[in-house]
């Protein structure tokens, strides 16, 4: 029986979403996209990972109180991805620091 090789996506770190009826795209750094895929329990650079990341970021964008339609989507997607993979204690320290300013 021949092994089926999963072909990686051509550009696994560019994602397409629809916001308010407008199709747009965002990109994540390759390493960040791979870490987020692992966090989402997917094989990095696979179609499954691409779908999971797209769905995850889209859901978080619309649920996130900080969503700003005037900021670039890629910038907001990076922030969501980093928050997802960062240690909770690190996020808490950052929030404390930001509140103290």
Protein backbone atom coordinates (compact mmCIF):
# COMPACT_ATOMS: atom_id res chain seq x y z
CA UNK A 1 0.00 0.00 0.00
CA UNK A 2 1.41 3.38 -1.01
CA UNK A 3 1.73 6.08 1.58
CA UNK A 4 -0.31 9.17 0.96
CA UNK A 5 1.87 12.21 1.36
CA UNK A 6 0.13 15.33 2.60
CA UNK A 7 1.21 18.15 0.36
CA UNK A 8 1.91 21.40 2.16
CA UNK A 9 0.01 24.49 1.12
CA UNK A 10 1.75 26.86 -1.26
CA UNK A 11 1.58 29.76 1.16
CA UNK A 12 0.39 28.39 4.51
CA UNK A 13 0.64 31.66 6.40
CA UNK A 14 -1.72 33.80 4.29
CA UNK A 15 -5.36 33.43 5.27
CA UNK A 16 -8.58 34.69 3.67
CA UNK A 17 -11.64 35.70 5.68
CA UNK A 18 -14.87 37.66 5.20
CA UNK A 19 -15.59 40.65 7.41
CA UNK A 20 -18.90 42.47 7.00
CA UNK A 21 -19.35 40.94 3.56
CA UNK A 22 -15.88 42.02 2.41
CA UNK A 23 -13.29 39.39 1.58
CA UNK A 24 -9.92 40.25 3.07
CA UNK A 25 -6.72 38.48 3.93
CA UNK A 26 -4.20 38.49 6.73
CA UNK A 27 -0.80 36.98 7.11
CA UNK A 28 1.05 35.51 10.04
CA UNK A 29 4.75 34.95 10.38
CA UNK A 30 5.55 31.38 9.32
CA UNK A 31 6.79 30.39 12.78
CA UNK A 32 3.80 31.99 14.50
CA UNK A 33 1.40 30.18 12.14
CA UNK A 34 3.17 26.88 12.87
CA UNK A 35 3.00 27.44 16.65
CA UNK A 36 -0.68 28.35 16.44
CA UNK A 37 -1.35 25.21 14.37
CA UNK A 38 0.33 23.07 17.02
CA UNK A 39 -1.69 24.89 19.71
CA UNK A 40 -4.84 24.02 17.73
CA UNK A 41 -3.66 20.38 17.57
CA UNK A 42 -3.03 20.37 13.82
CA UNK A 43 -0.10 19.44 11.65
CA UNK A 44 1.60 22.74 10.69
CA UNK A 45 1.36 23.74 7.01
CA UNK A 46 -1.52 21.35 6.36
CA UNK A 47 -4.93 22.19 4.93
CA UNK A 48 -6.46 21.19 8.25
CA UNK A 49 -4.21 23.69 10.06
CA UNK A 50 -5.05 26.40 7.54
CA UNK A 51 -8.78 25.88 8.09
CA UNK A 52 -8.37 25.70 11.86
CA UNK A 53 -6.33 28.91 12.02
CA UNK A 54 -8.73 30.75 9.71
CA UNK A 55 -11.72 29.66 11.81
CA UNK A 56 -9.96 30.40 15.11
CA UNK A 57 -8.87 33.91 14.11
CA UNK A 58 -12.26 34.74 12.56
CA UNK A 59 -14.16 33.65 15.67
CA UNK A 60 -11.78 35.50 17.96
CA UNK A 61 -11.91 38.68 15.86
CA UNK A 62 -15.67 38.91 16.17
CA UNK A 63 -15.77 37.87 19.84
CA UNK A 64 -12.91 40.15 20.83
CA UNK A 65 -14.03 43.40 22.43
CA UNK A 66 -10.84 45.07 21.20
CA UNK A 67 -11.61 44.50 17.52
CA UNK A 68 -11.06 47.74 15.66
CA UNK A 69 -12.23 47.83 12.02
CA UNK A 70 -9.81 50.70 11.38
CA UNK A 71 -6.71 48.67 12.23
CA UNK A 72 -5.20 46.26 9.71
CA UNK A 73 -6.61 42.76 10.11
CA UNK A 74 -3.12 41.20 10.01
CA UNK A 75 -2.09 43.26 13.01
CA UNK A 76 -5.12 42.14 15.01
CA UNK A 77 -4.69 38.51 13.87
CA UNK A 78 -1.08 38.52 15.10
CA UNK A 79 -2.20 39.84 18.47
CA UNK A 80 -4.82 37.08 18.78
CA UNK A 81 -2.34 34.38 17.70
CA UNK A 82 0.27 35.56 20.19
CA UNK A 83 -2.26 35.66 23.01
CA UNK A 84 -3.34 32.11 22.17
CA UNK A 85 0.15 30.63 22.38
CA UNK A 86 1.60 32.77 25.20
CA UNK A 87 1.72 31.46 28.74
CA UNK A 88 -1.21 32.81 30.76
CA UNK A 89 1.19 34.11 33.42
CA UNK A 90 3.02 36.13 30.78
CA UNK A 91 -0.24 37.66 29.55
CA UNK A 92 -1.22 38.52 33.14
CA UNK A 93 2.14 40.22 33.74
CA UNK A 94 1.72 42.22 30.55
CA UNK A 95 -1.82 43.24 31.48
CA UNK A 96 -0.64 44.30 34.95
CA UNK A 97 2.17 46.32 33.42
CA UNK A 98 -0.17 47.99 30.95
CA UNK A 99 -2.74 48.80 33.67
CA UNK A 100 -0.04 50.32 35.88
CA UNK A 101 1.06 52.76 33.15
